[in-house]
Amino acid sequence: MEQEELSIPLKQENVVRPAEGNIATGLIWGILISIPLWISVIGWILGFWH
C-alpha cells in the first residue's frame, strides 16, 4: 500500500507542472501579441487628432 500512496502525489505533480508551463507561455505569447495591437490602437487614435 505504501508504493501506491507514494505514486499518487507524483502523478498529481506531473499534471500540475505542464499546466504552469502552459500558463507562462500563454502570458508570454499574449504580451507579444498585445504589443503590436496597442501600438496600432494608439496610432489609430492619434490619427483622429491630426
C-alpha atoms as a PDB file:
ATOM      1  CA  MET A   1       0.000   0.000   0.000  1.00  0.00           C
ATOM      2  CA  GLU A   2       2.892   2.392   0.610  1.00  0.00           C
ATOM      3  CA  GLN A   3       4.038   2.265  -3.014  1.00  0.00           C
ATOM      4  CA  GLU A   4       0.547   3.134  -4.244  1.00  0.00           C
ATOM      5  CA  GLU A   5       0.279   6.047  -1.816  1.00  0.00           C
ATOM      6  CA  LEU A   6       3.626   7.450  -2.988  1.00  0.00           C
ATOM      7  CA  SER A   7       2.735   7.121  -6.677  1.00  0.00           C
ATOM      8  CA  ILE A   8      -0.448   9.212  -6.355  1.00  0.00           C
ATOM      9  CA  PRO A   9       1.235  12.561  -5.420  1.00  0.00           C
ATOM     10  CA  LEU A  10       3.859  12.078  -8.131  1.00  0.00           C
ATOM     11  CA  LYS A  11       1.117  11.786 -10.748  1.00  0.00           C
ATOM     12  CA  GLN A  12      -0.531  14.952  -9.444  1.00  0.00           C
ATOM     13  CA  GLU A  13       2.760  16.889  -9.621  1.00  0.00           C
ATOM     14  CA  ASN A  14       3.322  15.765 -13.201  1.00  0.00           C
ATOM     15  CA  VAL A  15      -0.135  17.049 -14.100  1.00  0.00           C
ATOM     16  CA  VAL A  16       0.425  20.444 -12.442  1.00  0.00           C
ATOM     17  CA  ARG A  17       3.811  21.209 -13.993  1.00  0.00           C
ATOM     18  CA  PRO A  18       2.712  21.267 -17.671  1.00  0.00           C
ATOM     19  CA  ALA A  19      -0.269  23.443 -16.746  1.00  0.00           C
ATOM     20  CA  GLU A  20       2.033  26.017 -15.138  1.00  0.00           C
ATOM     21  CA  GLY A  21       4.280  25.939 -18.212  1.00  0.00           C
ATOM     22  CA  ASN A  22       1.291  26.496 -20.487  1.00  0.00           C
ATOM     23  CA  ILE A  23       0.188  29.468 -18.405  1.00  0.00           C
ATOM     24  CA  ALA A  24       3.669  31.013 -18.605  1.00  0.00           C
ATOM     25  CA  THR A  25       3.939  30.512 -22.366  1.00  0.00           C
ATOM     26  CA  GLY A  26       0.397  31.815 -22.787  1.00  0.00           C
ATOM     27  CA  LEU A  27       1.255  35.008 -20.916  1.00  0.00           C
ATOM     28  CA  ILE A  28       4.409  35.492 -22.998  1.00  0.00           C
ATOM     29  CA  TRP A  29       2.532  34.997 -26.273  1.00  0.00           C
ATOM     30  CA  GLY A  30      -0.284  37.236 -25.034  1.00  0.00           C
ATOM     31  CA  ILE A  31       2.159  40.056 -24.253  1.00  0.00           C
ATOM     32  CA  LEU A  32       3.973  39.659 -27.581  1.00  0.00           C
ATOM     33  CA  ILE A  33       0.673  39.744 -29.472  1.00  0.00           C
ATOM     34  CA  SER A  34      -0.801  42.618 -27.459  1.00  0.00           C
ATOM     35  CA  ILE A  35       2.160  44.997 -28.010  1.00  0.00           C
ATOM     36  CA  PRO A  36       1.529  45.466 -31.775  1.00  0.00           C
ATOM     37  CA  LEU A  37      -2.209  45.703 -31.102  1.00  0.00           C
ATOM     38  CA  TRP A  38      -1.719  48.512 -28.574  1.00  0.00           C
ATOM     39  CA  ILE A  39       0.650  50.329 -30.972  1.00  0.00           C
ATOM     40  CA  SER A  40      -1.943  50.097 -33.738  1.00  0.00           C
ATOM     41  CA  VAL A  41      -4.738  51.286 -31.421  1.00  0.00           C
ATOM     42  CA  ILE A  42      -2.661  54.267 -30.238  1.00  0.00           C
ATOM     43  CA  GLY A  43      -1.763  55.144 -33.817  1.00  0.00           C
ATOM     44  CA  TRP A  44      -5.418  54.804 -34.824  1.00  0.00           C
ATOM     45  CA  ILE A  45      -6.495  57.181 -32.023  1.00  0.00           C
ATOM     46  CA  LEU A  46      -3.726  59.679 -32.808  1.00  0.00           C
ATOM     47  CA  GLY A  47      -4.868  59.614 -36.438  1.00  0.00           C
ATOM     48  CA  PHE A  48      -8.104  61.366 -35.449  1.00  0.00           C
ATOM     49  CA  TRP A  49      -6.268  64.128 -33.563  1.00  0.00           C
ATOM     50  CA  HIS A  50      -4.105  65.047 -36.581  1.00  0.00           C
END
